[in-house]
Amino acid sequence: PYVMIFLFFLYFIANPALGQTNFWLVGSANYLWTNMFIAIYILISIYLSNGKKSNLILFVYAISSIFAGCSNENTSLVVVLISVAYFFI
């Protein structure tokens, strides 16, 4: 266990590009991948509004709506408003 603790601290001390490796990885996990779930949800919404419905598409739509709603607190309200506006207009 002491070797793992030593290697953990050594990584943060000796890494010359800490911001480029660790912080960008965390930023992409927080923003890039969560927006991908939102984009998938919107694309499936457009696909379903054209009348092309199947059980598999509806299942993927339900799962993607959960992921899109739970993805990022800043964009979940915008996704709800866009969805409501798209289906009622």
Protein backbone atom coordinates (compact mmCIF):
# COMPACT_ATOMS: atom_id res chain seq x y z
CA PRO A 1 0.00 0.00 0.00
CA TYR A 2 2.85 2.44 0.65
CA VAL A 3 4.15 1.96 -2.86
CA MET A 4 0.78 2.95 -4.32
CA ILE A 5 0.60 6.06 -2.16
CA PHE A 6 4.15 6.97 -3.17
CA LEU A 7 3.36 6.51 -6.86
CA PHE A 8 0.19 8.57 -6.51
CA PHE A 9 2.05 11.51 -5.00
CA LEU A 10 4.95 11.10 -7.42
CA TYR A 11 2.56 11.35 -10.35
CA PHE A 12 1.25 14.74 -9.22
CA ILE A 13 4.69 16.07 -8.30
CA ALA A 14 6.61 14.89 -11.37
CA ASN A 15 3.97 15.38 -14.06
CA PRO A 16 5.03 18.41 -16.13
CA ALA A 17 1.69 18.74 -17.92
CA LEU A 18 -0.80 18.15 -15.14
CA GLY A 19 -3.35 20.63 -16.48
CA GLN A 20 -3.23 19.19 -19.98
CA THR A 21 -3.66 15.58 -18.88
CA ASN A 22 -5.85 15.45 -15.79
CA PHE A 23 -7.93 18.60 -15.92
CA TRP A 24 -8.88 18.26 -19.58
CA LEU A 25 -9.91 14.66 -18.98
CA VAL A 26 -12.22 15.76 -16.18
CA GLY A 27 -13.55 18.62 -18.30
CA SER A 28 -14.36 16.33 -21.19
CA ALA A 29 -16.14 13.90 -18.88
CA ASN A 30 -18.21 16.73 -17.44
CA TYR A 31 -19.07 18.64 -20.62
CA LEU A 32 -18.22 16.77 -23.82
CA TRP A 33 -19.73 13.38 -23.03
CA THR A 34 -22.81 14.78 -21.30
CA ASN A 35 -23.55 16.96 -24.32
CA MET A 36 -23.18 13.86 -26.49
CA PHE A 37 -26.11 12.29 -24.60
CA ILE A 38 -28.14 15.43 -25.21
CA ALA A 39 -27.28 15.39 -28.93
CA ILE A 40 -28.32 11.73 -29.19
CA TYR A 41 -31.61 12.52 -27.47
CA ILE A 42 -32.35 15.43 -29.82
CA LEU A 43 -31.44 13.38 -32.90
CA ILE A 44 -33.76 10.56 -31.83
CA SER A 45 -36.49 13.13 -31.13
CA ILE A 46 -36.19 14.43 -34.69
CA TYR A 47 -36.15 10.87 -36.03
CA LEU A 48 -39.34 10.01 -34.11
CA SER A 49 -41.13 13.18 -35.15
CA ASN A 50 -40.76 12.12 -38.79
CA GLY A 51 -43.01 9.13 -38.05
CA LYS A 52 -40.39 6.39 -38.04
CA LYS A 53 -41.23 4.50 -34.86
CA SER A 54 -40.13 1.07 -33.74
CA ASN A 55 -39.85 -0.59 -30.36
CA LEU A 56 -36.06 -0.45 -30.40
CA ILE A 57 -36.02 3.26 -31.23
CA LEU A 58 -38.56 3.99 -28.48
CA PHE A 59 -36.45 2.03 -25.98
CA VAL A 60 -33.28 3.91 -26.96
CA TYR A 61 -35.27 7.15 -26.79
CA ALA A 62 -36.39 6.39 -23.23
CA ILE A 63 -32.86 5.53 -22.11
CA SER A 64 -31.33 8.55 -23.84
CA SER A 65 -33.92 10.85 -22.27
CA ILE A 66 -32.86 9.67 -18.81
CA PHE A 67 -29.18 10.20 -19.61
CA ALA A 68 -29.86 13.60 -21.18
CA GLY A 69 -31.92 14.73 -18.22
CA CYS A 70 -29.34 13.64 -15.67
CA SER A 71 -26.31 14.75 -17.64
CA ASN A 72 -25.57 18.38 -16.89
CA GLU A 73 -27.48 20.67 -14.57
CA ASN A 74 -26.90 23.66 -16.82
CA THR A 75 -28.43 22.16 -19.93
CA SER A 76 -31.23 19.91 -18.66
CA LEU A 77 -33.77 22.75 -18.52
CA VAL A 78 -32.83 23.84 -22.04
CA VAL A 79 -33.34 20.28 -23.31
CA VAL A 80 -36.79 20.15 -21.73
CA LEU A 81 -37.76 23.49 -23.27
CA ILE A 82 -36.44 22.52 -26.70
CA SER A 83 -38.32 19.21 -26.53
CA VAL A 84 -41.59 20.84 -25.55
CA ALA A 85 -41.21 23.52 -28.22
CA TYR A 86 -40.28 20.99 -30.90
CA PHE A 87 -43.25 18.71 -30.28
CA PHE A 88 -45.88 21.43 -29.85
CA ILE A 89 -44.85 23.82 -32.62
